[in-house]
Amino acid sequence: MTEWGWGYLHDKSSAERKRELETFAAKYVVPAFRQFPELYNNIYLALRKEGFFAYAKPVLHIVILKGIMDVYSEPHLRIITAHEMMHLVQYINGIGLGRWNIRDELQATFLAFARGFAPDFVLAFTKYCSKSACDMNLKICYFKCKDIFPRPCKCCNEYELDEIAGRIKAAAEKYTINDSVDYRAVIRKAALSEN
């Protein structure tokens, strides 16, 4: 375990791989420990060619995609990190230990909103979308544009984006990890409501 609250899944990784993990962890994992205190000193990180997965065995760990910081924006990386950290919280609570299932994926993102990552989620769309004609089907962390935006995200001003983020955070805060709801419907209703 490092002094920053996370460990290397593979202590014998090359210095280059360790540097990439350290950079990623310093920017995204360590700051997220404020919202995920139960994971501090309890998770390990690995760097692979395929990644962004959370696993419970042999220990709680997140596999990070090599070079990912060159692909996604900071808000996108924060919501992806929070999503994977939420999977580890699910594992601690006995959820998601079996096969992949969309309910667990939606719940991980949904509960990350309640922990303060809704603004990152909203901004991730605006920074990632490169479509010239928006079809409202871009997907980030298992939710689509049409689940949260009343029109293409590029047409929303900063105030509207903040409002949407605030509404989805408030909606998510009403639920616990033990609640089973239609996450898309809850978020769609909150995000698209006019207050």
N, C-alpha and C. Protein backbone atom coordinates (compact mmCIF):
# COMPACT_ATOMS: atom_id res chain seq x y z
N MET A 1 0.86 -1.18 0.00
CA MET A 1 0.00 0.00 0.00
C MET A 1 0.89 1.24 0.00
N THR A 2 0.56 2.20 -0.83
CA THR A 2 1.36 3.42 -0.90
C THR A 2 0.91 4.40 0.20
N GLU A 3 1.67 5.45 0.36
CA GLU A 3 1.32 6.47 1.35
C GLU A 3 0.08 7.25 0.95
N TRP A 4 -0.40 7.09 -0.28
CA TRP A 4 -1.56 7.83 -0.78
C TRP A 4 -2.87 7.06 -0.64
N GLY A 5 -2.83 5.88 -0.03
CA GLY A 5 -4.06 5.15 0.23
C GLY A 5 -4.45 4.10 -0.78
N TRP A 6 -3.59 3.81 -1.74
CA TRP A 6 -3.83 2.75 -2.72
C TRP A 6 -2.54 1.97 -2.91
N GLY A 7 -2.66 0.76 -3.48
CA GLY A 7 -1.48 -0.05 -3.71
C GLY A 7 -1.38 -0.50 -5.16
N TYR A 8 -0.19 -0.99 -5.52
CA TYR A 8 0.01 -1.58 -6.85
C TYR A 8 -0.46 -3.02 -6.81
N LEU A 9 -1.31 -3.41 -7.73
CA LEU A 9 -1.72 -4.81 -7.78
C LEU A 9 -0.51 -5.68 -8.10
N HIS A 10 0.39 -5.15 -8.93
CA HIS A 10 1.60 -5.87 -9.31
C HIS A 10 2.81 -5.03 -8.91
N ASP A 11 3.42 -5.37 -7.79
CA ASP A 11 4.57 -4.61 -7.30
C ASP A 11 5.75 -4.66 -8.26
N LYS A 12 5.81 -5.68 -9.10
CA LYS A 12 6.96 -5.83 -9.99
C LYS A 12 6.75 -5.15 -11.35
N SER A 13 5.75 -4.31 -11.46
CA SER A 13 5.52 -3.56 -12.71
C SER A 13 6.73 -2.70 -13.01
N SER A 14 6.89 -2.37 -14.28
CA SER A 14 8.00 -1.51 -14.69
C SER A 14 7.84 -0.11 -14.10
N ALA A 15 8.95 0.61 -14.03
CA ALA A 15 8.92 1.98 -13.50
C ALA A 15 7.99 2.86 -14.34
N GLU A 16 7.98 2.64 -15.66
CA GLU A 16 7.12 3.43 -16.54
C GLU A 16 5.64 3.19 -16.24
N ARG A 17 5.26 1.93 -16.05
CA ARG A 17 3.86 1.60 -15.73
C ARG A 17 3.49 2.17 -14.37
N LYS A 18 4.41 2.08 -13.43
CA LYS A 18 4.14 2.62 -12.10
C LYS A 18 3.96 4.13 -12.15
N ARG A 19 4.75 4.82 -12.97
CA ARG A 19 4.60 6.27 -13.11
C ARG A 19 3.23 6.64 -13.68
N GLU A 20 2.79 5.87 -14.67
CA GLU A 20 1.48 6.15 -15.26
C GLU A 20 0.37 5.93 -14.23
N LEU A 21 0.50 4.87 -13.44
CA LEU A 21 -0.48 4.62 -12.39
C LEU A 21 -0.45 5.72 -11.34
N GLU A 22 0.75 6.14 -10.97
CA GLU A 22 0.89 7.21 -9.96
C GLU A 22 0.25 8.51 -10.45
N THR A 23 0.47 8.84 -11.71
CA THR A 23 -0.11 10.06 -12.27
C THR A 23 -1.62 9.96 -12.29
N PHE A 24 -2.14 8.82 -12.75
CA PHE A 24 -3.58 8.64 -12.79
C PHE A 24 -4.17 8.69 -11.38
N ALA A 25 -3.56 7.97 -10.47
CA ALA A 25 -4.07 7.91 -9.09
C ALA A 25 -4.06 9.29 -8.44
N ALA A 26 -2.98 10.05 -8.64
CA ALA A 26 -2.89 11.38 -8.04
C ALA A 26 -3.99 12.31 -8.55
N LYS A 27 -4.35 12.18 -9.83
CA LYS A 27 -5.35 13.07 -10.42
C LYS A 27 -6.79 12.62 -10.16
N TYR A 28 -7.01 11.30 -10.08
CA TYR A 28 -8.38 10.81 -10.06
C TYR A 28 -8.75 9.93 -8.87
N VAL A 29 -7.89 9.06 -8.44
CA VAL A 29 -8.23 8.14 -7.35
C VAL A 29 -8.10 8.82 -5.99
N VAL A 30 -6.96 9.42 -5.72
CA VAL A 30 -6.73 10.04 -4.41
C VAL A 30 -7.77 11.12 -4.10
N PRO A 31 -8.07 12.04 -5.01
CA PRO A 31 -9.12 13.02 -4.71
C PRO A 31 -10.49 12.37 -4.44
N ALA A 32 -10.77 11.25 -5.09
CA ALA A 32 -12.06 10.57 -4.92
C ALA A 32 -12.19 9.89 -3.56
N PHE A 33 -11.08 9.68 -2.87
CA PHE A 33 -11.16 9.07 -1.53
C PHE A 33 -12.01 9.92 -0.58
N ARG A 34 -12.12 11.23 -0.82
CA ARG A 34 -12.99 12.06 0.03
C ARG A 34 -14.43 11.57 -0.04
N GLN A 35 -14.86 11.12 -1.22
CA GLN A 35 -16.22 10.62 -1.38
C GLN A 35 -16.32 9.11 -1.18
N PHE A 36 -15.18 8.44 -1.14
CA PHE A 36 -15.14 6.99 -0.96
C PHE A 36 -14.18 6.62 0.18
N PRO A 37 -14.43 7.12 1.39
CA PRO A 37 -13.48 6.86 2.49
C PRO A 37 -13.33 5.38 2.83
N GLU A 38 -14.35 4.59 2.54
CA GLU A 38 -14.29 3.17 2.86
C GLU A 38 -13.28 2.43 1.98
N LEU A 39 -12.83 3.07 0.90
CA LEU A 39 -11.86 2.43 0.01
C LEU A 39 -10.41 2.84 0.30
N TYR A 40 -10.23 3.88 1.11
CA TYR A 40 -8.88 4.35 1.42
C TYR A 40 -8.10 3.22 2.10
N ASN A 41 -6.91 2.95 1.60
CA ASN A 41 -6.04 1.86 2.07
C ASN A 41 -6.63 0.47 1.82
N ASN A 42 -7.60 0.38 0.91
CA ASN A 42 -8.24 -0.91 0.63
C ASN A 42 -8.27 -1.27 -0.84
N ILE A 43 -7.71 -0.44 -1.73
CA ILE A 43 -7.78 -0.78 -3.15
C ILE A 43 -6.40 -0.77 -3.80
N TYR A 44 -6.32 -1.53 -4.86
CA TYR A 44 -5.09 -1.65 -5.63
C TYR A 44 -5.39 -1.26 -7.07
N LEU A 45 -4.36 -0.84 -7.77
CA LEU A 45 -4.51 -0.42 -9.16
C LEU A 45 -3.58 -1.23 -10.06
N ALA A 46 -4.05 -1.49 -11.28
CA ALA A 46 -3.24 -2.17 -12.28
C ALA A 46 -3.42 -1.44 -13.61
N LEU A 47 -2.44 -1.55 -14.47
CA LEU A 47 -2.48 -0.90 -15.78
C LEU A 47 -2.45 -1.99 -16.84
N ARG A 48 -3.40 -1.97 -17.77
CA ARG A 48 -3.49 -3.00 -18.80
C ARG A 48 -3.85 -2.39 -20.14
N LYS A 49 -3.74 -3.21 -21.20
CA LYS A 49 -4.13 -2.78 -22.55
C LYS A 49 -5.65 -2.67 -22.67
N GLU A 50 -6.36 -3.44 -21.88
CA GLU A 50 -7.81 -3.35 -21.83
C GLU A 50 -8.17 -2.98 -20.42
N GLY A 51 -9.04 -2.01 -20.28
CA GLY A 51 -9.30 -1.62 -18.91
C GLY A 51 -10.47 -0.72 -18.71
N PHE A 52 -10.57 -0.41 -17.57
CA PHE A 52 -11.51 0.24 -16.70
C PHE A 52 -12.54 -0.78 -16.28
N PHE A 53 -12.05 -1.62 -15.36
CA PHE A 53 -12.85 -2.66 -14.73
C PHE A 53 -12.50 -2.69 -13.26
N ALA A 54 -13.48 -3.01 -12.43
CA ALA A 54 -13.25 -3.20 -11.00
C ALA A 54 -13.45 -4.68 -10.69
N TYR A 55 -12.59 -5.20 -9.83
CA TYR A 55 -12.67 -6.60 -9.43
C TYR A 55 -12.52 -6.73 -7.91
N ALA A 56 -13.12 -7.78 -7.38
CA ALA A 56 -13.04 -8.02 -5.94
C ALA A 56 -11.98 -9.06 -5.59
N LYS A 57 -11.49 -9.80 -6.58
CA LYS A 57 -10.52 -10.86 -6.28
C LYS A 57 -9.30 -10.71 -7.16
N PRO A 58 -8.12 -10.97 -6.68
CA PRO A 58 -7.78 -11.49 -5.36
C PRO A 58 -7.94 -10.46 -4.24
N VAL A 59 -7.94 -9.19 -4.60
CA VAL A 59 -8.20 -8.09 -3.66
C VAL A 59 -9.04 -7.06 -4.42
N LEU A 60 -9.57 -6.08 -3.72
CA LEU A 60 -10.31 -5.01 -4.40
C LEU A 60 -9.33 -4.25 -5.29
N HIS A 61 -9.62 -4.21 -6.58
CA HIS A 61 -8.71 -3.49 -7.48
C HIS A 61 -9.43 -2.97 -8.72
N ILE A 62 -8.79 -1.97 -9.31
CA ILE A 62 -9.29 -1.37 -10.55
C ILE A 62 -8.21 -1.52 -11.61
N VAL A 63 -8.61 -2.02 -12.76
CA VAL A 63 -7.72 -2.13 -13.90
C VAL A 63 -7.93 -0.89 -14.76
N ILE A 64 -6.89 -0.13 -14.95
CA ILE A 64 -6.94 1.12 -15.70
C ILE A 64 -6.34 0.89 -17.08
N LEU A 65 -6.99 1.44 -18.08
CA LEU A 65 -6.53 1.31 -19.46
C LEU A 65 -5.26 2.13 -19.67
N LYS A 66 -4.22 1.50 -20.15
CA LYS A 66 -2.97 2.19 -20.43
C LYS A 66 -3.22 3.31 -21.45
N GLY A 67 -2.73 4.50 -21.15
CA GLY A 67 -2.88 5.63 -22.05
C GLY A 67 -4.22 6.33 -21.99
N ILE A 68 -5.07 5.98 -21.06
CA ILE A 68 -6.43 6.54 -21.02
C ILE A 68 -6.45 8.05 -20.81
N MET A 69 -5.44 8.58 -20.16
CA MET A 69 -5.43 10.03 -19.91
C MET A 69 -5.24 10.83 -21.19
N ASP A 70 -4.82 10.15 -22.26
CA ASP A 70 -4.68 10.81 -23.55
C ASP A 70 -5.96 10.72 -24.38
N VAL A 71 -6.95 10.00 -23.88
CA VAL A 71 -8.17 9.74 -24.65
C VAL A 71 -9.36 10.57 -24.16
N TYR A 72 -9.55 10.61 -22.85
CA TYR A 72 -10.73 11.24 -22.29
C TYR A 72 -10.42 12.53 -21.55
N SER A 73 -11.44 13.38 -21.41
CA SER A 73 -11.31 14.64 -20.67
C SER A 73 -11.27 14.35 -19.17
N GLU A 74 -10.87 15.35 -18.40
CA GLU A 74 -10.81 15.18 -16.95
C GLU A 74 -12.18 14.84 -16.34
N PRO A 75 -13.27 15.54 -16.72
CA PRO A 75 -14.56 15.15 -16.14
C PRO A 75 -14.94 13.71 -16.48
N HIS A 76 -14.63 13.29 -17.69
CA HIS A 76 -14.93 11.92 -18.12
C HIS A 76 -14.14 10.92 -17.27
N LEU A 77 -12.87 11.21 -17.05
CA LEU A 77 -12.05 10.30 -16.24
C LEU A 77 -12.50 10.29 -14.78
N ARG A 78 -12.98 11.42 -14.28
CA ARG A 78 -13.47 11.44 -12.89
C ARG A 78 -14.73 10.59 -12.75
N ILE A 79 -15.68 10.69 -13.70
CA ILE A 79 -16.91 9.89 -13.57
C ILE A 79 -16.61 8.41 -13.79
N ILE A 80 -15.72 8.09 -14.70
CA ILE A 80 -15.37 6.67 -14.90
C ILE A 80 -14.71 6.12 -13.64
N THR A 81 -13.81 6.88 -13.05
CA THR A 81 -13.14 6.44 -11.82
C THR A 81 -14.17 6.25 -10.71
N ALA A 82 -15.07 7.22 -10.55
CA ALA A 82 -16.09 7.11 -9.51
C ALA A 82 -17.00 5.90 -9.75
N HIS A 83 -17.33 5.65 -11.01
CA HIS A 83 -18.15 4.49 -11.37
C HIS A 83 -17.45 3.20 -10.92
N GLU A 84 -16.16 3.08 -11.23
CA GLU A 84 -15.43 1.86 -10.85
C GLU A 84 -15.25 1.76 -9.34
N MET A 85 -15.01 2.89 -8.69
CA MET A 85 -14.89 2.86 -7.23
C MET A 85 -16.23 2.47 -6.59
N MET A 86 -17.33 2.91 -7.20
CA MET A 86 -18.64 2.52 -6.69
C MET A 86 -18.85 1.02 -6.84
N HIS A 87 -18.31 0.42 -7.91
CA HIS A 87 -18.38 -1.05 -8.03
C HIS A 87 -17.69 -1.71 -6.84
N LEU A 88 -16.58 -1.16 -6.40
CA LEU A 88 -15.89 -1.76 -5.25
C LEU A 88 -16.75 -1.62 -3.99
N VAL A 89 -17.45 -0.52 -3.86
CA VAL A 89 -18.39 -0.36 -2.73
C VAL A 89 -19.51 -1.39 -2.85
N GLN A 90 -19.98 -1.62 -4.08
CA GLN A 90 -21.00 -2.66 -4.28
C GLN A 90 -20.45 -4.01 -3.82
N TYR A 91 -19.23 -4.33 -4.21
CA TYR A 91 -18.63 -5.61 -3.82
C TYR A 91 -18.58 -5.74 -2.30
N ILE A 92 -18.17 -4.66 -1.62
CA ILE A 92 -18.11 -4.67 -0.16
C ILE A 92 -19.49 -4.98 0.43
N ASN A 93 -20.53 -4.54 -0.25
CA ASN A 93 -21.90 -4.73 0.21
C ASN A 93 -22.57 -5.97 -0.39
N GLY A 94 -21.79 -6.84 -1.01
CA GLY A 94 -22.32 -8.09 -1.54
C GLY A 94 -23.07 -7.97 -2.85
N ILE A 95 -22.85 -6.88 -3.57
CA ILE A 95 -23.54 -6.66 -4.85
C ILE A 95 -22.53 -6.77 -5.99
N GLY A 96 -22.92 -7.43 -7.05
CA GLY A 96 -22.08 -7.49 -8.23
C GLY A 96 -20.94 -8.49 -8.17
N LEU A 97 -21.07 -9.46 -7.33
CA LEU A 97 -19.99 -10.44 -7.21
C LEU A 97 -20.07 -11.54 -8.26
N GLY A 98 -21.18 -11.61 -8.94
CA GLY A 98 -21.37 -12.65 -9.95
C GLY A 98 -21.09 -12.15 -11.34
N ARG A 99 -21.98 -12.47 -12.23
CA ARG A 99 -21.84 -12.11 -13.64
C ARG A 99 -22.18 -10.64 -13.87
N TRP A 100 -21.71 -10.13 -15.00
CA TRP A 100 -22.01 -8.75 -15.39
C TRP A 100 -23.51 -8.58 -15.50
N ASN A 101 -24.00 -7.44 -15.04
CA ASN A 101 -25.41 -7.16 -15.20
C ASN A 101 -25.63 -5.65 -15.28
N ILE A 102 -26.51 -5.25 -16.16
CA ILE A 102 -26.73 -3.83 -16.45
C ILE A 102 -27.25 -3.09 -15.23
N ARG A 103 -28.03 -3.74 -14.39
CA ARG A 103 -28.54 -3.09 -13.19
C ARG A 103 -27.40 -2.62 -12.30
N ASP A 104 -26.39 -3.46 -12.12
CA ASP A 104 -25.24 -3.08 -11.29
C ASP A 104 -24.45 -1.95 -11.92
N GLU A 105 -24.36 -1.95 -13.24
CA GLU A 105 -23.64 -0.88 -13.94
C GLU A 105 -24.36 0.46 -13.77
N LEU A 106 -25.68 0.44 -13.98
CA LEU A 106 -26.46 1.66 -13.82
C LEU A 106 -26.42 2.15 -12.37
N GLN A 107 -26.51 1.22 -11.44
CA GLN A 107 -26.46 1.60 -10.03
C GLN A 107 -25.12 2.23 -9.67
N ALA A 108 -24.03 1.72 -10.19
CA ALA A 108 -22.70 2.26 -9.88
C ALA A 108 -22.61 3.72 -10.32
N THR A 109 -23.10 4.02 -11.50
CA THR A 109 -23.07 5.42 -11.96
C THR A 109 -24.05 6.26 -11.16
N PHE A 110 -25.25 5.76 -10.98
CA PHE A 110 -26.29 6.47 -10.24
C PHE A 110 -25.82 6.86 -8.84
N LEU A 111 -25.23 5.92 -8.11
CA LEU A 111 -24.78 6.21 -6.75
C LEU A 111 -23.52 7.08 -6.73
N ALA A 112 -22.78 7.10 -7.82
CA ALA A 112 -21.65 8.04 -7.93
C ALA A 112 -22.18 9.47 -8.02
N PHE A 113 -23.36 9.66 -8.61
CA PHE A 113 -23.97 10.99 -8.65
C PHE A 113 -24.21 11.49 -7.23
N ALA A 114 -24.73 10.61 -6.37
CA ALA A 114 -25.03 10.99 -4.99
C ALA A 114 -23.76 11.35 -4.21
N ARG A 115 -22.63 10.84 -4.66
CA ARG A 115 -21.37 11.13 -3.98
C ARG A 115 -20.66 12.35 -4.58
N GLY A 116 -21.35 13.07 -5.43
CA GLY A 116 -20.82 14.34 -5.92
C GLY A 116 -20.25 14.35 -7.32
N PHE A 117 -20.44 13.30 -8.09
CA PHE A 117 -19.84 13.22 -9.42
C PHE A 117 -20.80 13.53 -10.56
N ALA A 118 -21.99 14.05 -10.24
CA ALA A 118 -22.95 14.41 -11.28
C ALA A 118 -22.42 15.51 -12.20
N PRO A 119 -21.76 16.57 -11.69
CA PRO A 119 -21.23 17.59 -12.60
C PRO A 119 -20.21 17.03 -13.60
N ASP A 120 -19.36 16.12 -13.14
CA ASP A 120 -18.39 15.49 -14.04
C ASP A 120 -19.09 14.69 -15.12
N PHE A 121 -20.14 13.99 -14.73
CA PHE A 121 -20.91 13.20 -15.69
C PHE A 121 -21.51 14.09 -16.78
N VAL A 122 -22.14 15.17 -16.37
CA VAL A 122 -22.76 16.09 -17.32
C VAL A 122 -21.72 16.70 -18.24
N LEU A 123 -20.62 17.18 -17.68
CA LEU A 123 -19.57 17.81 -18.49
C LEU A 123 -18.87 16.81 -19.41
N ALA A 124 -18.81 15.56 -19.01
CA ALA A 124 -18.16 14.53 -19.84
C ALA A 124 -18.83 14.46 -21.21
N PHE A 125 -20.14 14.58 -21.25
CA PHE A 125 -20.86 14.54 -22.53
C PHE A 125 -20.45 15.71 -23.41
N THR A 126 -20.42 16.91 -22.84
CA THR A 126 -20.13 18.10 -23.64
C THR A 126 -18.72 18.07 -24.20
N LYS A 127 -17.79 17.45 -23.47
CA LYS A 127 -16.40 17.41 -23.91
C LYS A 127 -16.10 16.23 -24.83
N TYR A 128 -16.90 15.16 -24.73
CA TYR A 128 -16.63 13.94 -25.49
C TYR A 128 -17.35 13.91 -26.84
N CYS A 129 -18.52 14.51 -26.90
CA CYS A 129 -19.32 14.43 -28.12
C CYS A 129 -18.66 15.19 -29.26
N SER A 130 -18.51 14.51 -30.36
CA SER A 130 -17.94 15.15 -31.55
C SER A 130 -18.86 15.01 -32.76
N LYS A 131 -20.12 14.64 -32.50
CA LYS A 131 -21.08 14.44 -33.59
C LYS A 131 -21.50 15.78 -34.17
N SER A 132 -21.51 15.86 -35.47
CA SER A 132 -21.96 17.11 -36.11
C SER A 132 -23.48 17.22 -36.03
N ALA A 133 -24.18 16.10 -36.13
CA ALA A 133 -25.63 16.07 -35.97
C ALA A 133 -25.94 15.13 -34.81
N CYS A 134 -26.35 15.70 -33.70
CA CYS A 134 -26.58 14.89 -32.50
C CYS A 134 -27.82 14.02 -32.63
N ASP A 135 -27.65 12.73 -32.32
CA ASP A 135 -28.78 11.81 -32.33
C ASP A 135 -29.24 11.48 -30.90
N MET A 136 -28.61 12.14 -29.91
CA MET A 136 -28.95 11.96 -28.49
C MET A 136 -28.72 10.53 -28.00
N ASN A 137 -27.80 9.81 -28.64
CA ASN A 137 -27.53 8.43 -28.25
C ASN A 137 -26.12 8.19 -27.74
N LEU A 138 -25.33 9.24 -27.58
CA LEU A 138 -23.99 9.05 -27.01
C LEU A 138 -24.16 8.49 -25.60
N LYS A 139 -23.35 7.49 -25.26
CA LYS A 139 -23.48 6.82 -23.98
C LYS A 139 -22.20 7.00 -23.17
N ILE A 140 -22.36 7.40 -21.92
CA ILE A 140 -21.25 7.48 -20.97
C ILE A 140 -21.71 6.81 -19.69
N CYS A 141 -20.94 5.86 -19.23
CA CYS A 141 -21.26 5.12 -17.99
C CYS A 141 -22.71 4.61 -17.99
N TYR A 142 -23.14 4.08 -19.12
CA TYR A 142 -24.40 3.37 -19.30
C TYR A 142 -25.64 4.25 -19.38
N PHE A 143 -25.48 5.56 -19.38
CA PHE A 143 -26.61 6.47 -19.60
C PHE A 143 -26.38 7.19 -20.92
N LYS A 144 -27.46 7.48 -21.63
CA LYS A 144 -27.37 8.18 -22.92
C LYS A 144 -27.71 9.65 -22.75
N CYS A 145 -27.30 10.44 -23.74
CA CYS A 145 -27.63 11.87 -23.77
C CYS A 145 -29.11 12.10 -23.51
N LYS A 146 -29.94 11.32 -24.20
CA LYS A 146 -31.38 11.54 -24.09
C LYS A 146 -31.92 11.28 -22.69
N ASP A 147 -31.12 10.60 -21.85
CA ASP A 147 -31.53 10.36 -20.47
C ASP A 147 -31.37 11.62 -19.61
N ILE A 148 -30.53 12.57 -20.05
CA ILE A 148 -30.26 13.71 -19.17
C ILE A 148 -30.39 15.08 -19.81
N PHE A 149 -30.37 15.15 -21.12
CA PHE A 149 -30.44 16.46 -21.79
C PHE A 149 -31.75 16.65 -22.54
N PRO A 150 -32.35 17.85 -22.43
CA PRO A 150 -33.59 18.11 -23.16
C PRO A 150 -33.35 18.33 -24.65
N ARG A 151 -32.11 18.63 -25.00
CA ARG A 151 -31.69 18.86 -26.39
C ARG A 151 -30.19 18.56 -26.44
N PRO A 152 -29.55 18.60 -27.58
CA PRO A 152 -28.12 18.30 -27.63
C PRO A 152 -27.33 19.10 -26.59
N CYS A 153 -26.43 18.42 -25.92
CA CYS A 153 -25.69 19.03 -24.81
C CYS A 153 -24.93 20.28 -25.22
N LYS A 154 -24.47 20.32 -26.45
CA LYS A 154 -23.72 21.49 -26.93
C LYS A 154 -24.59 22.74 -27.00
N CYS A 155 -25.91 22.55 -26.99
CA CYS A 155 -26.84 23.69 -27.03
C CYS A 155 -27.21 24.19 -25.63
N CYS A 156 -26.77 23.48 -24.60
CA CYS A 156 -27.08 23.88 -23.22
C CYS A 156 -26.02 24.84 -22.71
N ASN A 157 -26.44 25.87 -22.01
CA ASN A 157 -25.47 26.80 -21.43
C ASN A 157 -24.97 26.28 -20.08
N GLU A 158 -23.99 26.96 -19.53
CA GLU A 158 -23.36 26.52 -18.28
C GLU A 158 -24.38 26.44 -17.14
N TYR A 159 -25.27 27.41 -17.06
CA TYR A 159 -26.30 27.39 -16.03
C TYR A 159 -27.17 26.14 -16.15
N GLU A 160 -27.61 25.83 -17.37
CA GLU A 160 -28.45 24.64 -17.59
C GLU A 160 -27.71 23.36 -17.21
N LEU A 161 -26.42 23.28 -17.56
CA LEU A 161 -25.63 22.10 -17.21
C LEU A 161 -25.53 21.94 -15.70
N ASP A 162 -25.30 23.05 -15.00
CA ASP A 162 -25.24 23.01 -13.53
C ASP A 162 -26.58 22.58 -12.94
N GLU A 163 -27.66 23.08 -13.51
CA GLU A 163 -29.00 22.72 -13.03
C GLU A 163 -29.27 21.23 -13.21
N ILE A 164 -28.92 20.71 -14.37
CA ILE A 164 -29.11 19.28 -14.64
C ILE A 164 -28.31 18.45 -13.65
N ALA A 165 -27.05 18.82 -13.45
CA ALA A 165 -26.19 18.08 -12.51
C ALA A 165 -26.77 18.12 -11.10
N GLY A 166 -27.24 19.28 -10.69
CA GLY A 166 -27.84 19.40 -9.36
C GLY A 166 -29.07 18.55 -9.18
N ARG A 167 -29.91 18.50 -10.21
CA ARG A 167 -31.13 17.70 -10.13
C ARG A 167 -30.84 16.20 -10.09
N ILE A 168 -29.86 15.74 -10.89
CA ILE A 168 -29.60 14.29 -10.86
C ILE A 168 -28.88 13.89 -9.56
N LYS A 169 -28.06 14.77 -9.02
CA LYS A 169 -27.43 14.50 -7.72
C LYS A 169 -28.50 14.39 -6.64
N ALA A 170 -29.41 15.36 -6.61
CA ALA A 170 -30.48 15.36 -5.61
C ALA A 170 -31.36 14.11 -5.73
N ALA A 171 -31.65 13.69 -6.96
CA ALA A 171 -32.46 12.49 -7.16
C ALA A 171 -31.73 11.26 -6.64
N ALA A 172 -30.45 11.14 -6.94
CA ALA A 172 -29.67 9.97 -6.51
C ALA A 172 -29.51 9.91 -5.00
N GLU A 173 -29.44 11.06 -4.36
CA GLU A 173 -29.27 11.10 -2.89
C GLU A 173 -30.45 10.51 -2.13
N LYS A 174 -31.57 10.32 -2.79
CA LYS A 174 -32.76 9.78 -2.14
C LYS A 174 -32.70 8.26 -1.98
N TYR A 175 -31.71 7.63 -2.60
CA TYR A 175 -31.65 6.17 -2.62
C TYR A 175 -30.37 5.65 -1.97
N THR A 176 -30.44 4.41 -1.52
CA THR A 176 -29.26 3.75 -0.94
C THR A 176 -28.84 2.60 -1.85
N ILE A 177 -27.75 2.00 -1.50
CA ILE A 177 -27.22 0.87 -2.27
C ILE A 177 -28.18 -0.33 -2.22
N ASN A 178 -29.06 -0.35 -1.25
CA ASN A 178 -29.99 -1.48 -1.11
C ASN A 178 -31.30 -1.28 -1.87
N ASP A 179 -31.50 -0.08 -2.42
CA ASP A 179 -32.72 0.19 -3.17
C ASP A 179 -32.59 -0.31 -4.60
N SER A 180 -33.66 -0.84 -5.11
CA SER A 180 -33.70 -1.28 -6.51
C SER A 180 -34.75 -0.45 -7.23
N VAL A 181 -34.28 0.40 -8.14
CA VAL A 181 -35.18 1.29 -8.86
C VAL A 181 -34.84 1.26 -10.34
N ASP A 182 -35.65 1.88 -11.12
CA ASP A 182 -35.35 2.06 -12.54
C ASP A 182 -34.46 3.31 -12.63
N TYR A 183 -33.16 3.11 -12.61
CA TYR A 183 -32.20 4.21 -12.53
C TYR A 183 -32.34 5.18 -13.70
N ARG A 184 -32.55 4.66 -14.88
CA ARG A 184 -32.71 5.54 -16.04
C ARG A 184 -33.96 6.41 -15.90
N ALA A 185 -35.05 5.82 -15.45
CA ALA A 185 -36.29 6.58 -15.30
C ALA A 185 -36.15 7.66 -14.24
N VAL A 186 -35.52 7.34 -13.13
CA VAL A 186 -35.33 8.32 -12.06
C VAL A 186 -34.48 9.49 -12.56
N ILE A 187 -33.38 9.17 -13.23
CA ILE A 187 -32.48 10.23 -13.72
C ILE A 187 -33.16 11.03 -14.83
N ARG A 188 -33.84 10.36 -15.73
CA ARG A 188 -34.52 11.06 -16.83
C ARG A 188 -35.56 12.03 -16.26
N LYS A 189 -36.34 11.57 -15.29
CA LYS A 189 -37.38 12.42 -14.70
C LYS A 189 -36.74 13.63 -14.01
N ALA A 190 -35.68 13.40 -13.24
CA ALA A 190 -35.02 14.50 -12.53
C ALA A 190 -34.34 15.47 -13.48
N ALA A 191 -33.59 14.94 -14.42
CA ALA A 191 -32.79 15.77 -15.33
C ALA A 191 -33.66 16.60 -16.26
N LEU A 192 -34.73 16.02 -16.71
CA LEU A 192 -35.55 16.69 -17.71
C LEU A 192 -36.70 17.49 -17.12
N SER A 193 -36.82 17.48 -15.77
CA SER A 193 -37.89 18.26 -15.14
C SER A 193 -37.58 19.75 -15.20
N GLU A 194 -38.58 20.54 -15.27
CA GLU A 194 -38.44 22.00 -15.29
C GLU A 194 -38.72 22.50 -13.89
N ASN A 195 -37.73 23.10 -13.25
CA ASN A 195 -37.94 23.64 -11.89
C ASN A 195 -38.06 25.13 -11.94
